[in-house]
Amino acid sequence: MDNNYEWFLRADLRKYAGKYVVICKKKVISSGLDPGKVYEKAKIKNPKKEVVLWKVPTGNTFIFFEL
């Protein structure tokens, strides 16, 4: 399992509820309501690093699906 994904599942991200976050090296490096802008901002700051975009759910419900 990816380290960033494991971190995301265990991290306390309540302050980001309902927002998109970009995680790199087990840290939130960008957040906001527009996923495109959040991702773009993160890639500008970290152009050569792998970054992952997720939406932090509100409440206690997680819905997982495979594309």
N, C-alpha and C. Protein backbone atom coordinates (compact mmCIF):
# COMPACT_ATOMS: atom_id res chain seq x y z
N MET A 1 0.85 -1.19 0.00
CA MET A 1 0.00 0.00 0.00
C MET A 1 0.89 1.24 0.00
N ASP A 2 0.50 2.26 -0.71
CA ASP A 2 1.23 3.51 -0.80
C ASP A 2 1.32 4.19 0.57
N ASN A 3 2.50 4.70 0.91
CA ASN A 3 2.70 5.35 2.21
C ASN A 3 1.82 6.57 2.40
N ASN A 4 1.63 7.37 1.33
CA ASN A 4 0.77 8.54 1.46
C ASN A 4 -0.68 8.14 1.72
N TYR A 5 -1.11 7.06 1.09
CA TYR A 5 -2.48 6.58 1.30
C TYR A 5 -2.67 6.08 2.73
N GLU A 6 -1.72 5.32 3.21
CA GLU A 6 -1.79 4.86 4.60
C GLU A 6 -1.85 6.05 5.56
N TRP A 7 -1.02 7.04 5.31
CA TRP A 7 -1.00 8.23 6.15
C TRP A 7 -2.35 8.95 6.09
N PHE A 8 -2.90 9.10 4.89
CA PHE A 8 -4.19 9.76 4.70
C PHE A 8 -5.28 9.08 5.52
N LEU A 9 -5.29 7.76 5.53
CA LEU A 9 -6.32 7.02 6.27
C LEU A 9 -6.21 7.21 7.77
N ARG A 10 -5.03 7.47 8.27
CA ARG A 10 -4.81 7.58 9.72
C ARG A 10 -4.72 9.03 10.22
N ALA A 11 -4.50 9.96 9.35
CA ALA A 11 -4.27 11.35 9.74
C ALA A 11 -5.55 12.02 10.24
N ASP A 12 -5.38 12.95 11.13
CA ASP A 12 -6.50 13.77 11.61
C ASP A 12 -6.63 14.96 10.66
N LEU A 13 -7.55 14.84 9.73
CA LEU A 13 -7.74 15.88 8.71
C LEU A 13 -9.07 16.61 8.88
N ARG A 14 -9.58 16.62 10.10
CA ARG A 14 -10.88 17.26 10.34
C ARG A 14 -10.93 18.70 9.89
N LYS A 15 -9.83 19.42 10.01
CA LYS A 15 -9.85 20.84 9.60
C LYS A 15 -9.98 21.00 8.09
N TYR A 16 -9.81 19.91 7.33
CA TYR A 16 -9.94 19.94 5.88
C TYR A 16 -11.25 19.30 5.40
N ALA A 17 -12.17 18.98 6.30
CA ALA A 17 -13.41 18.29 5.94
C ALA A 17 -14.13 19.02 4.81
N GLY A 18 -14.49 18.26 3.77
CA GLY A 18 -15.19 18.83 2.62
C GLY A 18 -14.28 19.48 1.60
N LYS A 19 -13.00 19.52 1.87
CA LYS A 19 -12.04 20.14 0.95
C LYS A 19 -11.18 19.07 0.27
N TYR A 20 -10.53 19.49 -0.79
CA TYR A 20 -9.55 18.65 -1.46
C TYR A 20 -8.18 18.93 -0.84
N VAL A 21 -7.40 17.88 -0.70
CA VAL A 21 -6.05 18.03 -0.19
C VAL A 21 -5.08 17.31 -1.13
N VAL A 22 -3.89 17.86 -1.23
CA VAL A 22 -2.81 17.19 -1.95
C VAL A 22 -1.78 16.80 -0.91
N ILE A 23 -1.40 15.52 -0.95
CA ILE A 23 -0.45 14.99 0.01
C ILE A 23 0.83 14.60 -0.71
N CYS A 24 1.94 14.95 -0.08
CA CYS A 24 3.26 14.60 -0.58
C CYS A 24 4.14 14.31 0.62
N LYS A 25 4.77 13.15 0.62
CA LYS A 25 5.64 12.74 1.72
C LYS A 25 4.95 12.84 3.08
N LYS A 26 3.72 12.37 3.13
CA LYS A 26 2.93 12.30 4.37
C LYS A 26 2.64 13.67 4.97
N LYS A 27 2.47 14.67 4.10
CA LYS A 27 2.11 16.02 4.54
C LYS A 27 1.09 16.61 3.59
N VAL A 28 0.16 17.41 4.11
CA VAL A 28 -0.76 18.17 3.27
C VAL A 28 0.02 19.39 2.77
N ILE A 29 0.16 19.48 1.45
CA ILE A 29 0.93 20.60 0.89
C ILE A 29 0.05 21.62 0.19
N SER A 30 -1.22 21.29 0.00
CA SER A 30 -2.16 22.22 -0.63
C SER A 30 -3.56 21.76 -0.28
N SER A 31 -4.49 22.71 -0.15
CA SER A 31 -5.88 22.36 0.14
C SER A 31 -6.81 23.45 -0.37
N GLY A 32 -8.07 23.08 -0.59
CA GLY A 32 -9.06 24.05 -1.05
C GLY A 32 -10.28 23.35 -1.61
N LEU A 33 -11.18 24.13 -2.17
CA LEU A 33 -12.44 23.60 -2.68
C LEU A 33 -12.40 23.24 -4.16
N ASP A 34 -11.45 23.78 -4.90
CA ASP A 34 -11.33 23.52 -6.33
C ASP A 34 -10.20 22.53 -6.57
N PRO A 35 -10.53 21.29 -6.95
CA PRO A 35 -9.48 20.28 -7.07
C PRO A 35 -8.41 20.64 -8.10
N GLY A 36 -8.78 21.27 -9.18
CA GLY A 36 -7.80 21.66 -10.20
C GLY A 36 -6.79 22.66 -9.67
N LYS A 37 -7.28 23.67 -8.97
CA LYS A 37 -6.38 24.70 -8.42
C LYS A 37 -5.50 24.12 -7.31
N VAL A 38 -6.08 23.25 -6.49
CA VAL A 38 -5.32 22.64 -5.39
C VAL A 38 -4.17 21.81 -5.95
N TYR A 39 -4.47 21.01 -6.98
CA TYR A 39 -3.45 20.17 -7.60
C TYR A 39 -2.38 21.01 -8.30
N GLU A 40 -2.82 22.00 -9.06
CA GLU A 40 -1.88 22.87 -9.78
C GLU A 40 -0.92 23.58 -8.81
N LYS A 41 -1.45 24.11 -7.73
CA LYS A 41 -0.62 24.78 -6.73
C LYS A 41 0.43 23.83 -6.16
N ALA A 42 0.01 22.60 -5.88
CA ALA A 42 0.94 21.61 -5.33
C ALA A 42 2.04 21.26 -6.32
N LYS A 43 1.68 21.10 -7.60
CA LYS A 43 2.67 20.74 -8.61
C LYS A 43 3.64 21.89 -8.89
N ILE A 44 3.18 23.11 -8.77
CA ILE A 44 4.08 24.27 -8.93
C ILE A 44 5.13 24.26 -7.82
N LYS A 45 4.70 23.97 -6.60
CA LYS A 45 5.61 23.93 -5.45
C LYS A 45 6.54 22.72 -5.50
N ASN A 46 6.05 21.61 -6.06
CA ASN A 46 6.77 20.32 -6.04
C ASN A 46 6.71 19.67 -7.42
N PRO A 47 7.33 20.28 -8.42
CA PRO A 47 7.17 19.78 -9.79
C PRO A 47 7.73 18.38 -10.04
N LYS A 48 8.69 17.95 -9.29
CA LYS A 48 9.31 16.65 -9.56
C LYS A 48 8.89 15.56 -8.58
N LYS A 49 8.03 15.90 -7.65
CA LYS A 49 7.61 14.93 -6.64
C LYS A 49 6.23 14.37 -6.98
N GLU A 50 6.02 13.13 -6.54
CA GLU A 50 4.71 12.53 -6.71
C GLU A 50 3.77 13.11 -5.67
N VAL A 51 2.64 13.59 -6.13
CA VAL A 51 1.63 14.15 -5.23
C VAL A 51 0.32 13.40 -5.47
N VAL A 52 -0.51 13.35 -4.43
CA VAL A 52 -1.78 12.64 -4.51
C VAL A 52 -2.90 13.58 -4.04
N LEU A 53 -3.97 13.62 -4.83
CA LEU A 53 -5.13 14.47 -4.53
C LEU A 53 -6.26 13.61 -3.99
N TRP A 54 -6.83 14.03 -2.86
CA TRP A 54 -8.00 13.36 -2.28
C TRP A 54 -8.97 14.40 -1.77
N LYS A 55 -10.22 14.01 -1.68
CA LYS A 55 -11.22 14.85 -1.02
C LYS A 55 -11.44 14.28 0.37
N VAL A 56 -11.35 15.15 1.36
CA VAL A 56 -11.56 14.74 2.75
C VAL A 56 -13.07 14.75 3.00
N PRO A 57 -13.61 13.61 3.41
CA PRO A 57 -15.06 13.54 3.63
C PRO A 57 -15.48 14.35 4.85
N THR A 58 -16.75 14.71 4.85
CA THR A 58 -17.32 15.33 6.05
C THR A 58 -17.93 14.22 6.88
N GLY A 59 -17.95 14.38 8.16
CA GLY A 59 -18.52 13.36 9.03
C GLY A 59 -17.62 12.15 9.13
N ASN A 60 -18.19 11.01 9.42
CA ASN A 60 -17.43 9.79 9.63
C ASN A 60 -17.55 8.79 8.50
N THR A 61 -18.11 9.19 7.36
CA THR A 61 -18.36 8.24 6.29
C THR A 61 -17.28 8.33 5.21
N PHE A 62 -16.73 7.16 4.87
CA PHE A 62 -15.81 7.04 3.75
C PHE A 62 -16.47 6.18 2.70
N ILE A 63 -16.42 6.59 1.46
CA ILE A 63 -16.91 5.78 0.37
C ILE A 63 -15.74 5.51 -0.55
N PHE A 64 -15.42 4.23 -0.74
CA PHE A 64 -14.30 3.84 -1.59
C PHE A 64 -14.86 3.18 -2.85
N PHE A 65 -14.28 3.51 -3.97
CA PHE A 65 -14.66 2.84 -5.21
C PHE A 65 -13.43 2.75 -6.10
N GLU A 66 -13.47 1.79 -7.00
CA GLU A 66 -12.35 1.57 -7.91
C GLU A 66 -12.76 2.02 -9.29
N LEU A 67 -11.88 2.76 -9.94
CA LEU A 67 -12.17 3.20 -11.32
C LEU A 67 -11.60 2.24 -12.31
